[in-house]
Structures are given as structure tokens and as C-alpha cells.
Amino acid sequence: MLEEIASNSDNIDYGEMIHV
């Protein structure tokens, strides 16, 4: 999953989801 975040430019949005 982390790899996907790095590949995605919207990693910020993803990070927020994880934070929830």
C-alpha cells in the first residue's frame, strides 16, 4: 500500500485516510 501512495501524487489524500 505504501508503494501505491508513493506512486500516487495524491498521497496527501491517502495519508488523511490512514490518519482517520
PDB file of N, CA and C in Angstrom:
ATOM      1  N   MET A   1       0.854  -1.213   0.000  1.00  0.00           N
ATOM      2  CA  MET A   1       0.000   0.000   0.000  1.00  0.00           C
ATOM      3  C   MET A   1       0.880   1.251   0.000  1.00  0.00           C
ATOM      4  N   LEU A   2       1.920   1.225   0.781  1.00  0.00           N
ATOM      5  CA  LEU A   2       2.806   2.396   0.839  1.00  0.00           C
ATOM      6  C   LEU A   2       3.339   2.708  -0.549  1.00  0.00           C
ATOM      7  N   GLU A   3       3.648   1.661  -1.295  1.00  0.00           N
ATOM      8  CA  GLU A   3       4.188   1.878  -2.651  1.00  0.00           C
ATOM      9  C   GLU A   3       3.168   2.629  -3.494  1.00  0.00           C
ATOM     10  N   GLU A   4       1.900   2.269  -3.335  1.00  0.00           N
ATOM     11  CA  GLU A   4       0.858   2.942  -4.121  1.00  0.00           C
ATOM     12  C   GLU A   4       0.826   4.427  -3.779  1.00  0.00           C
ATOM     13  N   ILE A   5       0.970   4.742  -2.529  1.00  0.00           N
ATOM     14  CA  ILE A   5       0.936   6.146  -2.105  1.00  0.00           C
ATOM     15  C   ILE A   5       2.073   6.904  -2.793  1.00  0.00           C
ATOM     16  N   ALA A   6       3.245   6.313  -2.798  1.00  0.00           N
ATOM     17  CA  ALA A   6       4.402   6.973  -3.409  1.00  0.00           C
ATOM     18  C   ALA A   6       4.145   7.184  -4.895  1.00  0.00           C
ATOM     19  N   SER A   7       3.473   6.227  -5.504  1.00  0.00           N
ATOM     20  CA  SER A   7       3.206   6.330  -6.945  1.00  0.00           C
ATOM     21  C   SER A   7       2.125   7.379  -7.199  1.00  0.00           C
ATOM     22  N   ASN A   8       1.188   7.469  -6.270  1.00  0.00           N
ATOM     23  CA  ASN A   8       0.088   8.429  -6.441  1.00  0.00           C
ATOM     24  C   ASN A   8       0.506   9.826  -6.000  1.00  0.00           C
ATOM     25  N   SER A   9       0.187  10.814  -6.810  1.00  0.00           N
ATOM     26  CA  SER A   9       0.540  12.193  -6.451  1.00  0.00           C
ATOM     27  C   SER A   9      -0.398  12.690  -5.358  1.00  0.00           C
ATOM     28  N   ASP A  10      -1.517  11.979  -5.185  1.00  0.00           N
ATOM     29  CA  ASP A  10      -2.489  12.382  -4.146  1.00  0.00           C
ATOM     30  C   ASP A  10      -2.185  11.665  -2.841  1.00  0.00           C
ATOM     31  N   ASN A  11      -0.915  11.419  -2.582  1.00  0.00           N
ATOM     32  CA  ASN A  11      -0.544  10.717  -1.350  1.00  0.00           C
ATOM     33  C   ASN A  11      -1.089  11.466  -0.131  1.00  0.00           C
ATOM     34  N   ILE A  12      -1.256  12.769  -0.242  1.00  0.00           N
ATOM     35  CA  ILE A  12      -1.766  13.560   0.881  1.00  0.00           C
ATOM     36  C   ILE A  12      -3.174  13.089   1.237  1.00  0.00           C
ATOM     37  N   ASP A  13      -4.002  12.922   0.220  1.00  0.00           N
ATOM     38  CA  ASP A  13      -5.369  12.455   0.467  1.00  0.00           C
ATOM     39  C   ASP A  13      -5.333  11.080   1.116  1.00  0.00           C
ATOM     40  N   TYR A  14      -4.482  10.215   0.612  1.00  0.00           N
ATOM     41  CA  TYR A  14      -4.378   8.856   1.146  1.00  0.00           C
ATOM     42  C   TYR A  14      -3.907   8.910   2.604  1.00  0.00           C
ATOM     43  N   GLY A  15      -2.939   9.755   2.858  1.00  0.00           N
ATOM     44  CA  GLY A  15      -2.424   9.885   4.219  1.00  0.00           C
ATOM     45  C   GLY A  15      -3.536  10.260   5.177  1.00  0.00           C
ATOM     46  N   GLU A  16      -4.430  11.128   4.733  1.00  0.00           N
ATOM     47  CA  GLU A  16      -5.532  11.535   5.609  1.00  0.00           C
ATOM     48  C   GLU A  16      -6.401  10.330   5.933  1.00  0.00           C
ATOM     49  N   MET A  17      -6.653   9.505   4.942  1.00  0.00           N
ATOM     50  CA  MET A  17      -7.482   8.314   5.157  1.00  0.00           C
ATOM     51  C   MET A  17      -6.851   7.422   6.224  1.00  0.00           C
ATOM     52  N   ILE A  18      -5.542   7.245   6.138  1.00  0.00           N
ATOM     53  CA  ILE A  18      -4.842   6.393   7.111  1.00  0.00           C
ATOM     54  C   ILE A  18      -4.945   7.032   8.496  1.00  0.00           C
ATOM     55  N   HIS A  19      -4.869   8.330   8.536  1.00  0.00           N
ATOM     56  CA  HIS A  19      -4.929   9.039   9.814  1.00  0.00           C
ATOM     57  C   HIS A  19      -6.269   8.813  10.500  1.00  0.00           C
ATOM     58  N   VAL A  20      -7.304   8.690   9.701  1.00  0.00           N
ATOM     59  CA  VAL A  20      -8.651   8.533  10.281  1.00  0.00           C
ATOM     60  C   VAL A  20      -8.693   7.307  11.170  1.00  0.00           C
TER      61      VAL A  20
END
